[in-house]
Amino acid sequence: MAELVFVGLGLADDRDLSERSLERLRSCGRIFSEAYTSVLAPGSLDRLGRSVGRRIELLTRTEVESERILLEALGSTDRVGFVVAGDPFAATTHVALRLAAERAGHRWSYLPSASIVSAAPGFLGLQQYRFGRIVSLPFPEPGFAPASPLRSIAQNRSRDLHTLVLLDLRPDERRFMSAAEALARLVEPVASGESPAVPADLAVAVAARVGTESAQGWYGTCAELLGRDFGPPLHCVVVPAPTLHFEEEAALASFRIRRPAPGR
């Protein structure tokens, strides 16, 4: 029976890793990672590999979801590491991997780290227990533009809850959905004859590169934010609840888009 060690890498780069996590990874015979749920700064995995004395083997989404490579490694190595950006169990595919290891008779351990799920609300000053269902917004493709994310936003707002909108990324194609692209999707009607999930005059928040030294936030109506350059990825969008606590209002005010003075 072997052990599968799930390690969160945090939001910025390899420097976010705890000493406890480094110690555990140094005891692993093999270490794997993936780059489809989130990414760290370039070079992070290479530097981590040098720090722990093991090459980090990068798996595709298909390889992780098939579970075969990791289960085979557990069959030949006493301890296997699986490191991911953010927190491992914020992604359901990683929970499925944990269950597969259990079914095969292996142990697992968990070393958590910062996740955008908690970091974005904290950065913007929004109360985390007031968030409803998290929404993932995929890149639209021919014949594929699901309306379910937009309807989930509307449902959250009907319950007076905030919505964290996570944006699609395809690192192997160097494609990262920008907040501007996301906002353009959000203001579209869900279906013919329906109102958009997010009216153009509704104030929303954008957070970019949360957890890094270059983190930035913006707060304004969709119309004010559409077309704005939010800088390099990763971005996320928060659609606030219809009513805000006074402290949430004060926190968001610091990110408010400043309109130019008349005549400028």
C-alpha atoms as a PDB file:
ATOM      1  CA  MET A   1       0.000   0.000   0.000  1.00  0.00           C
ATOM      2  CA  ALA A   2       1.446   3.356  -1.078  1.00  0.00           C
ATOM      3  CA  GLU A   3       0.591   6.977  -0.300  1.00  0.00           C
ATOM      4  CA  LEU A   4      -0.614   9.644  -2.733  1.00  0.00           C
ATOM      5  CA  VAL A   5       0.304  13.101  -1.445  1.00  0.00           C
ATOM      6  CA  PHE A   6      -1.854  15.993  -2.714  1.00  0.00           C
ATOM      7  CA  VAL A   7       0.028  19.275  -2.411  1.00  0.00           C
ATOM      8  CA  GLY A   8      -1.325  22.759  -3.123  1.00  0.00           C
ATOM      9  CA  LEU A   9       1.171  25.176  -4.673  1.00  0.00           C
ATOM     10  CA  GLY A  10      -0.727  28.391  -3.983  1.00  0.00           C
ATOM     11  CA  LEU A  11      -1.464  31.160  -6.448  1.00  0.00           C
ATOM     12  CA  ALA A  12       1.816  32.787  -7.479  1.00  0.00           C
ATOM     13  CA  ASP A  13       4.891  30.584  -7.831  1.00  0.00           C
ATOM     14  CA  ASP A  14       6.992  27.912  -6.119  1.00  0.00           C
ATOM     15  CA  ARG A  15       7.905  30.301  -3.273  1.00  0.00           C
ATOM     16  CA  ASP A  16       4.388  29.893  -1.848  1.00  0.00           C
ATOM     17  CA  LEU A  17       5.058  26.271  -0.920  1.00  0.00           C
ATOM     18  CA  SER A  18       5.269  25.546   2.817  1.00  0.00           C
ATOM     19  CA  GLU A  19       8.303  23.920   4.466  1.00  0.00           C
ATOM     20  CA  ARG A  20       6.078  20.990   5.451  1.00  0.00           C
ATOM     21  CA  SER A  21       5.095  20.473   1.808  1.00  0.00           C
ATOM     22  CA  LEU A  22       8.728  20.623   0.656  1.00  0.00           C
ATOM     23  CA  GLU A  23       9.727  18.013   3.240  1.00  0.00           C
ATOM     24  CA  ARG A  24       6.946  15.679   2.144  1.00  0.00           C
ATOM     25  CA  LEU A  25       7.740  16.082  -1.559  1.00  0.00           C
ATOM     26  CA  ARG A  26      11.416  15.280  -0.945  1.00  0.00           C
ATOM     27  CA  SER A  27      10.265  11.907   0.390  1.00  0.00           C
ATOM     28  CA  CYS A  28       8.305  11.078  -2.782  1.00  0.00           C
ATOM     29  CA  GLY A  29       9.699   8.631  -5.326  1.00  0.00           C
ATOM     30  CA  ARG A  30       7.833  10.363  -8.170  1.00  0.00           C
ATOM     31  CA  ILE A  31       6.019  13.699  -8.434  1.00  0.00           C
ATOM     32  CA  PHE A  32       3.337  14.641 -10.951  1.00  0.00           C
ATOM     33  CA  SER A  33       1.494  17.854 -11.781  1.00  0.00           C
ATOM     34  CA  GLU A  34      -1.077  19.244 -14.223  1.00  0.00           C
ATOM     35  CA  ALA A  35      -1.677  22.633 -15.822  1.00  0.00           C
ATOM     36  CA  TYR A  36      -5.319  22.575 -16.894  1.00  0.00           C
ATOM     37  CA  THR A  37      -7.051  23.824 -13.729  1.00  0.00           C
ATOM     38  CA  SER A  38      -4.657  26.742 -13.154  1.00  0.00           C
ATOM     39  CA  VAL A  39      -1.057  27.789 -13.779  1.00  0.00           C
ATOM     40  CA  LEU A  40       1.787  29.347 -11.816  1.00  0.00           C
ATOM     41  CA  ALA A  41       4.466  31.784 -12.971  1.00  0.00           C
ATOM     42  CA  PRO A  42       6.744  30.378 -15.708  1.00  0.00           C
ATOM     43  CA  GLY A  43       9.567  28.239 -14.376  1.00  0.00           C
ATOM     44  CA  SER A  44       7.845  27.423 -11.072  1.00  0.00           C
ATOM     45  CA  LEU A  45       7.733  23.653 -11.572  1.00  0.00           C
ATOM     46  CA  ASP A  46      11.331  23.521 -12.793  1.00  0.00           C
ATOM     47  CA  ARG A  47      12.523  25.408  -9.717  1.00  0.00           C
ATOM     48  CA  LEU A  48      10.387  23.217  -7.479  1.00  0.00           C
ATOM     49  CA  GLY A  49      11.876  20.116  -9.045  1.00  0.00           C
ATOM     50  CA  ARG A  50      15.382  21.343  -8.286  1.00  0.00           C
ATOM     51  CA  SER A  51      14.378  22.180  -4.701  1.00  0.00           C
ATOM     52  CA  VAL A  52      13.023  18.701  -3.971  1.00  0.00           C
ATOM     53  CA  GLY A  53      15.499  16.755  -6.114  1.00  0.00           C
ATOM     54  CA  ARG A  54      12.838  15.248  -8.382  1.00  0.00           C
ATOM     55  CA  ARG A  55      11.684  16.036 -11.889  1.00  0.00           C
ATOM     56  CA  ILE A  56       8.033  17.140 -11.889  1.00  0.00           C
ATOM     57  CA  GLU A  57       6.204  15.046 -14.482  1.00  0.00           C
ATOM     58  CA  LEU A  58       3.479  17.093 -16.179  1.00  0.00           C
ATOM     59  CA  LEU A  59       0.276  15.236 -17.068  1.00  0.00           C
ATOM     60  CA  THR A  60      -2.489  16.224 -19.458  1.00  0.00           C
ATOM     61  CA  ARG A  61      -6.092  16.403 -18.344  1.00  0.00           C
ATOM     62  CA  THR A  62      -6.834  13.123 -20.124  1.00  0.00           C
ATOM     63  CA  GLU A  63      -3.941  11.415 -18.321  1.00  0.00           C
ATOM     64  CA  VAL A  64      -5.087  12.682 -14.912  1.00  0.00           C
ATOM     65  CA  GLU A  65      -8.713  11.731 -15.484  1.00  0.00           C
ATOM     66  CA  SER A  66      -7.776   8.257 -16.762  1.00  0.00           C
ATOM     67  CA  GLU A  67      -5.950   7.745 -13.409  1.00  0.00           C
ATOM     68  CA  ARG A  68      -3.790   5.012 -14.955  1.00  0.00           C
ATOM     69  CA  ILE A  69      -0.357   6.684 -14.770  1.00  0.00           C
ATOM     70  CA  LEU A  70      -0.756   7.740 -11.147  1.00  0.00           C
ATOM     71  CA  LEU A  71      -2.138   4.373 -10.048  1.00  0.00           C
ATOM     72  CA  GLU A  72       0.728   2.570 -11.795  1.00  0.00           C
ATOM     73  CA  ALA A  73       3.203   4.850 -10.012  1.00  0.00           C
ATOM     74  CA  LEU A  74       1.551   4.012  -6.684  1.00  0.00           C
ATOM     75  CA  GLY A  75       1.968   0.336  -7.519  1.00  0.00           C
ATOM     76  CA  SER A  76       5.742   0.698  -7.821  1.00  0.00           C
ATOM     77  CA  THR A  77       6.603   3.579  -5.453  1.00  0.00           C
ATOM     78  CA  ASP A  78       5.910   3.947  -1.741  1.00  0.00           C
ATOM     79  CA  ARG A  79       4.996   7.634  -1.962  1.00  0.00           C
ATOM     80  CA  VAL A  80       3.831   9.650  -4.978  1.00  0.00           C
ATOM     81  CA  GLY A  81       3.323  13.404  -5.020  1.00  0.00           C
ATOM     82  CA  PHE A  82       0.654  15.250  -6.984  1.00  0.00           C
ATOM     83  CA  VAL A  83       1.153  19.013  -6.957  1.00  0.00           C
ATOM     84  CA  VAL A  84      -1.246  21.561  -8.423  1.00  0.00           C
ATOM     85  CA  ALA A  85      -1.609  25.332  -8.510  1.00  0.00           C
ATOM     86  CA  GLY A  86      -4.043  26.659  -5.934  1.00  0.00           C
ATOM     87  CA  ASP A  87      -5.600  24.030  -3.680  1.00  0.00           C
ATOM     88  CA  PRO A  88      -5.876  20.425  -4.923  1.00  0.00           C
ATOM     89  CA  PHE A  89      -9.425  19.721  -3.812  1.00  0.00           C
ATOM     90  CA  ALA A  90     -10.929  22.851  -5.306  1.00  0.00           C
ATOM     91  CA  ALA A  91     -11.097  20.733  -8.493  1.00  0.00           C
ATOM     92  CA  THR A  92     -13.465  17.766  -8.608  1.00  0.00           C
ATOM     93  CA  THR A  93     -11.143  15.743 -10.889  1.00  0.00           C
ATOM     94  CA  HIS A  94      -8.615  15.638  -8.066  1.00  0.00           C
ATOM     95  CA  VAL A  95     -11.220  14.347  -5.616  1.00  0.00           C
ATOM     96  CA  ALA A  96     -12.010  11.607  -8.147  1.00  0.00           C
ATOM     97  CA  LEU A  97      -8.305  10.725  -8.212  1.00  0.00           C
ATOM     98  CA  ARG A  98      -8.250  10.502  -4.423  1.00  0.00           C
ATOM     99  CA  LEU A  99     -11.215   8.108  -4.484  1.00  0.00           C
ATOM    100  CA  ALA A 100      -9.523   5.991  -7.162  1.00  0.00           C
ATOM    101  CA  ALA A 101      -6.428   5.684  -4.961  1.00  0.00           C
ATOM    102  CA  GLU A 102      -8.631   4.608  -2.041  1.00  0.00           C
ATOM    103  CA  ARG A 103     -10.370   1.965  -4.154  1.00  0.00           C
ATOM    104  CA  ALA A 104      -6.964   0.589  -5.158  1.00  0.00           C
ATOM    105  CA  GLY A 105      -6.059   0.225  -1.468  1.00  0.00           C
ATOM    106  CA  HIS A 106      -3.706   3.197  -1.168  1.00  0.00           C
ATOM    107  CA  ARG A 107      -3.524   5.950   1.451  1.00  0.00           C
ATOM    108  CA  TRP A 108      -3.627   9.644   0.677  1.00  0.00           C
ATOM    109  CA  SER A 109      -2.599  12.812   2.493  1.00  0.00           C
ATOM    110  CA  TYR A 110      -3.431  16.459   1.887  1.00  0.00           C
ATOM    111  CA  LEU A 111      -1.344  19.612   2.223  1.00  0.00           C
ATOM    112  CA  PRO A 112      -3.651  22.517   1.305  1.00  0.00           C
ATOM    113  CA  SER A 113      -2.763  25.975   0.079  1.00  0.00           C
ATOM    114  CA  ALA A 114      -4.395  29.205  -1.060  1.00  0.00           C
ATOM    115  CA  SER A 115      -7.171  28.912  -3.643  1.00  0.00           C
ATOM    116  CA  ILE A 116      -8.766  31.533  -5.854  1.00  0.00           C
ATOM    117  CA  VAL A 117     -12.077  30.371  -4.343  1.00  0.00           C
ATOM    118  CA  SER A 118     -11.177  32.102  -1.065  1.00  0.00           C
ATOM    119  CA  ALA A 119      -8.490  34.529  -2.248  1.00  0.00           C
ATOM    120  CA  ALA A 120     -10.598  36.483  -4.755  1.00  0.00           C
ATOM    121  CA  PRO A 121     -13.377  37.289  -2.240  1.00  0.00           C
ATOM    122  CA  GLY A 122     -10.757  38.190   0.362  1.00  0.00           C
ATOM    123  CA  PHE A 123      -8.838  40.430  -2.032  1.00  0.00           C
ATOM    124  CA  LEU A 124     -12.005  42.292  -3.029  1.00  0.00           C
ATOM    125  CA  GLY A 125     -13.301  42.520   0.546  1.00  0.00           C
ATOM    126  CA  LEU A 126     -16.424  40.433   0.027  1.00  0.00           C
ATOM    127  CA  GLN A 127     -17.833  38.141   2.708  1.00  0.00           C
ATOM    128  CA  GLN A 128     -17.067  34.578   1.677  1.00  0.00           C
ATOM    129  CA  TYR A 129     -20.168  33.022   3.210  1.00  0.00           C
ATOM    130  CA  ARG A 130     -22.324  35.194   0.939  1.00  0.00           C
ATOM    131  CA  PHE A 131     -21.165  33.402  -2.228  1.00  0.00           C
ATOM    132  CA  GLY A 132     -23.419  31.018  -4.075  1.00  0.00           C
ATOM    133  CA  ARG A 133     -22.527  28.414  -6.643  1.00  0.00           C
ATOM    134  CA  ILE A 134     -19.186  29.008  -8.377  1.00  0.00           C
ATOM    135  CA  VAL A 135     -19.443  29.413 -12.142  1.00  0.00           C
ATOM    136  CA  SER A 136     -16.866  28.312 -14.725  1.00  0.00           C
ATOM    137  CA  LEU A 137     -17.145  30.156 -18.035  1.00  0.00           C
ATOM    138  CA  PRO A 138     -15.798  28.082 -20.964  1.00  0.00           C
ATOM    139  CA  PHE A 139     -14.507  29.351 -24.275  1.00  0.00           C
ATOM    140  CA  PRO A 140     -17.382  29.287 -26.765  1.00  0.00           C
ATOM    141  CA  GLU A 141     -16.923  26.923 -29.678  1.00  0.00           C
ATOM    142  CA  PRO A 142     -19.005  26.334 -32.803  1.00  0.00           C
ATOM    143  CA  GLY A 143     -22.167  24.675 -31.567  1.00  0.00           C
ATOM    144  CA  PHE A 144     -21.031  24.950 -27.931  1.00  0.00           C
ATOM    145  CA  ALA A 145     -21.959  28.000 -25.879  1.00  0.00           C
ATOM    146  CA  PRO A 146     -23.641  26.649 -22.716  1.00  0.00           C
ATOM    147  CA  ALA A 147     -26.146  28.894 -20.998  1.00  0.00           C
ATOM    148  CA  SER A 148     -25.940  27.108 -17.648  1.00  0.00           C
ATOM    149  CA  PRO A 149     -23.182  29.410 -16.245  1.00  0.00           C
ATOM    150  CA  LEU A 150     -25.284  32.470 -17.036  1.00  0.00           C
ATOM    151  CA  ARG A 151     -28.386  30.950 -15.473  1.00  0.00           C
ATOM    152  CA  SER A 152     -26.401  30.053 -12.337  1.00  0.00           C
ATOM    153  CA  ILE A 153     -25.436  33.713 -11.944  1.00  0.00           C
ATOM    154  CA  ALA A 154     -29.076  34.736 -12.224  1.00  0.00           C
ATOM    155  CA  GLN A 155     -30.055  32.097  -9.648  1.00  0.00           C
ATOM    156  CA  ASN A 156     -27.396  33.275  -7.211  1.00  0.00           C
ATOM    157  CA  ARG A 157     -28.571  36.874  -7.549  1.00  0.00           C
ATOM    158  CA  SER A 158     -32.176  35.793  -6.973  1.00  0.00           C
ATOM    159  CA  ARG A 159     -30.972  34.422  -3.602  1.00  0.00           C
ATOM    160  CA  ASP A 160     -29.011  37.628  -2.835  1.00  0.00           C
ATOM    161  CA  LEU A 161     -25.662  35.833  -3.219  1.00  0.00           C
ATOM    162  CA  HIS A 162     -22.382  36.787  -4.872  1.00  0.00           C
ATOM    163  CA  THR A 163     -21.022  34.730  -7.798  1.00  0.00           C
ATOM    164  CA  LEU A 164     -17.374  33.930  -8.445  1.00  0.00           C
ATOM    165  CA  VAL A 165     -16.883  33.441 -12.182  1.00  0.00           C
ATOM    166  CA  LEU A 166     -13.776  31.416 -13.073  1.00  0.00           C
ATOM    167  CA  LEU A 167     -12.511  31.834 -16.624  1.00  0.00           C
ATOM    168  CA  ASP A 168     -11.423  29.133 -19.043  1.00  0.00           C
ATOM    169  CA  LEU A 169      -7.753  28.523 -19.726  1.00  0.00           C
ATOM    170  CA  ARG A 170      -5.865  26.354 -22.200  1.00  0.00           C
ATOM    171  CA  PRO A 171      -2.192  26.764 -21.332  1.00  0.00           C
ATOM    172  CA  ASP A 172      -1.019  24.339 -24.035  1.00  0.00           C
ATOM    173  CA  GLU A 173      -2.598  26.695 -26.602  1.00  0.00           C
ATOM    174  CA  ARG A 174      -1.501  29.826 -24.696  1.00  0.00           C
ATOM    175  CA  ARG A 175      -5.162  30.814 -24.407  1.00  0.00           C
ATOM    176  CA  PHE A 176      -6.457  32.425 -21.245  1.00  0.00           C
ATOM    177  CA  MET A 177      -9.926  33.965 -21.204  1.00  0.00           C
ATOM    178  CA  SER A 178      -9.688  37.627 -20.246  1.00  0.00           C
ATOM    179  CA  ALA A 179     -12.156  39.395 -18.013  1.00  0.00           C
ATOM    180  CA  ALA A 180     -13.115  41.579 -20.984  1.00  0.00           C
ATOM    181  CA  GLU A 181     -14.057  38.474 -23.000  1.00  0.00           C
ATOM    182  CA  ALA A 182     -16.013  37.134 -20.037  1.00  0.00           C
ATOM    183  CA  LEU A 183     -17.947  40.361 -19.553  1.00  0.00           C
ATOM    184  CA  ALA A 184     -18.907  40.393 -23.222  1.00  0.00           C
ATOM    185  CA  ARG A 185     -20.424  36.933 -22.684  1.00  0.00           C
ATOM    186  CA  LEU A 186     -22.195  37.901 -19.469  1.00  0.00           C
ATOM    187  CA  VAL A 187     -24.097  40.828 -20.974  1.00  0.00           C
ATOM    188  CA  GLU A 188     -25.480  38.695 -23.801  1.00  0.00           C
ATOM    189  CA  PRO A 189     -29.056  37.410 -23.436  1.00  0.00           C
ATOM    190  CA  VAL A 190     -29.165  33.812 -22.204  1.00  0.00           C
ATOM    191  CA  ALA A 191     -31.621  32.947 -24.975  1.00  0.00           C
ATOM    192  CA  SER A 192     -33.754  34.740 -27.508  1.00  0.00           C
ATOM    193  CA  GLY A 193     -36.269  36.930 -25.736  1.00  0.00           C
ATOM    194  CA  GLU A 194     -34.562  36.597 -22.334  1.00  0.00           C
ATOM    195  CA  SER A 195     -32.771  39.308 -20.389  1.00  0.00           C
ATOM    196  CA  PRO A 196     -28.980  39.030 -20.066  1.00  0.00           C
ATOM    197  CA  ALA A 197     -27.604  37.341 -16.942  1.00  0.00           C
ATOM    198  CA  VAL A 198     -25.766  40.559 -16.123  1.00  0.00           C
ATOM    199  CA  PRO A 199     -27.235  43.887 -17.305  1.00  0.00           C
ATOM    200  CA  ALA A 200     -24.706  46.296 -18.811  1.00  0.00           C
ATOM    201  CA  ASP A 201     -25.461  48.839 -16.070  1.00  0.00           C
ATOM    202  CA  LEU A 202     -24.801  46.352 -13.233  1.00  0.00           C
ATOM    203  CA  ALA A 203     -21.624  46.918 -11.207  1.00  0.00           C
ATOM    204  CA  VAL A 204     -19.288  43.919 -11.143  1.00  0.00           C
ATOM    205  CA  ALA A 205     -15.748  43.314  -9.921  1.00  0.00           C
ATOM    206  CA  VAL A 206     -12.695  42.003 -11.758  1.00  0.00           C
ATOM    207  CA  ALA A 207      -9.632  40.599 -10.008  1.00  0.00           C
ATOM    208  CA  ALA A 208      -6.413  39.847 -11.871  1.00  0.00           C
ATOM    209  CA  ARG A 209      -3.318  37.915 -10.772  1.00  0.00           C
ATOM    210  CA  VAL A 210      -4.597  37.473  -7.211  1.00  0.00           C
ATOM    211  CA  GLY A 211      -1.871  36.247  -4.885  1.00  0.00           C
ATOM    212  CA  THR A 212       0.961  37.855  -6.852  1.00  0.00           C
ATOM    213  CA  GLU A 213       2.763  41.169  -6.419  1.00  0.00           C
ATOM    214  CA  SER A 214       0.941  42.522  -9.484  1.00  0.00           C
ATOM    215  CA  ALA A 215      -2.585  41.748  -8.233  1.00  0.00           C
ATOM    216  CA  GLN A 216      -5.164  44.352  -9.276  1.00  0.00           C
ATOM    217  CA  GLY A 217      -8.889  44.856  -8.900  1.00  0.00           C
ATOM    218  CA  TRP A 218     -11.555  46.909 -10.649  1.00  0.00           C
ATOM    219  CA  TYR A 219     -15.178  47.672  -9.795  1.00  0.00           C
ATOM    220  CA  GLY A 220     -17.632  49.321 -12.149  1.00  0.00           C
ATOM    221  CA  THR A 221     -20.538  48.645 -14.446  1.00  0.00           C
ATOM    222  CA  CYS A 222     -20.107  46.115 -17.208  1.00  0.00           C
ATOM    223  CA  ALA A 223     -20.377  48.955 -19.701  1.00  0.00           C
ATOM    224  CA  GLU A 224     -17.460  50.740 -17.982  1.00  0.00           C
ATOM    225  CA  LEU A 225     -15.309  47.612 -17.846  1.00  0.00           C
ATOM    226  CA  LEU A 226     -16.016  46.207 -21.314  1.00  0.00           C
ATOM    227  CA  GLY A 227     -12.991  46.598 -23.567  1.00  0.00           C
ATOM    228  CA  ARG A 228     -10.628  47.484 -20.732  1.00  0.00           C
ATOM    229  CA  ASP A 229      -7.162  45.931 -20.685  1.00  0.00           C
ATOM    230  CA  PHE A 230      -6.774  44.030 -17.407  1.00  0.00           C
ATOM    231  CA  GLY A 231      -3.205  42.986 -18.082  1.00  0.00           C
ATOM    232  CA  PRO A 232      -1.728  39.481 -18.090  1.00  0.00           C
ATOM    233  CA  PRO A 233      -3.725  36.452 -16.832  1.00  0.00           C
ATOM    234  CA  LEU A 234      -5.135  34.983 -14.703  1.00  0.00           C
ATOM    235  CA  HIS A 235      -8.405  36.923 -14.350  1.00  0.00           C
ATOM    236  CA  CYS A 236     -11.688  36.238 -12.594  1.00  0.00           C
ATOM    237  CA  VAL A 237     -14.992  38.109 -12.325  1.00  0.00           C
ATOM    238  CA  VAL A 238     -17.279  38.532  -9.334  1.00  0.00           C
ATOM    239  CA  VAL A 239     -20.942  39.392  -9.837  1.00  0.00           C
ATOM    240  CA  PRO A 240     -22.052  40.860  -6.496  1.00  0.00           C
ATOM    241  CA  ALA A 241     -25.332  40.110  -4.803  1.00  0.00           C
ATOM    242  CA  PRO A 242     -28.108  42.713  -5.249  1.00  0.00           C
ATOM    243  CA  THR A 243     -27.498  43.969  -1.702  1.00  0.00           C
ATOM    244  CA  LEU A 244     -24.099  44.633  -0.165  1.00  0.00           C
ATOM    245  CA  HIS A 245     -23.027  44.836   3.461  1.00  0.00           C
ATOM    246  CA  PHE A 246     -21.718  48.331   4.262  1.00  0.00           C
ATOM    247  CA  GLU A 247     -18.199  46.958   4.748  1.00  0.00           C
ATOM    248  CA  GLU A 248     -18.376  45.222   1.359  1.00  0.00           C
ATOM    249  CA  GLU A 249     -19.439  48.518  -0.204  1.00  0.00           C
ATOM    250  CA  ALA A 250     -16.495  50.299   1.411  1.00  0.00           C
ATOM    251  CA  ALA A 251     -14.041  47.610   0.274  1.00  0.00           C
ATOM    252  CA  LEU A 252     -15.286  47.639  -3.319  1.00  0.00           C
ATOM    253  CA  ALA A 253     -15.169  51.443  -3.408  1.00  0.00           C
ATOM    254  CA  SER A 254     -11.369  51.310  -3.411  1.00  0.00           C
ATOM    255  CA  PHE A 255     -11.507  49.433  -6.724  1.00  0.00           C
ATOM    256  CA  ARG A 256     -14.085  51.741  -8.296  1.00  0.00           C
ATOM    257  CA  ILE A 257     -13.342  52.868 -11.857  1.00  0.00           C
ATOM    258  CA  ARG A 258     -12.576  56.568 -11.725  1.00  0.00           C
ATOM    259  CA  ARG A 259     -14.343  58.503 -14.434  1.00  0.00           C
ATOM    260  CA  PRO A 260     -12.351  61.340 -16.037  1.00  0.00           C
ATOM    261  CA  ALA A 261     -13.321  64.858 -15.010  1.00  0.00           C
ATOM    262  CA  PRO A 262     -15.556  66.791 -17.461  1.00  0.00           C
ATOM    263  CA  GLY A 263     -13.598  68.303 -20.318  1.00  0.00           C
ATOM    264  CA  ARG A 264     -10.688  65.808 -20.125  1.00  0.00           C
END
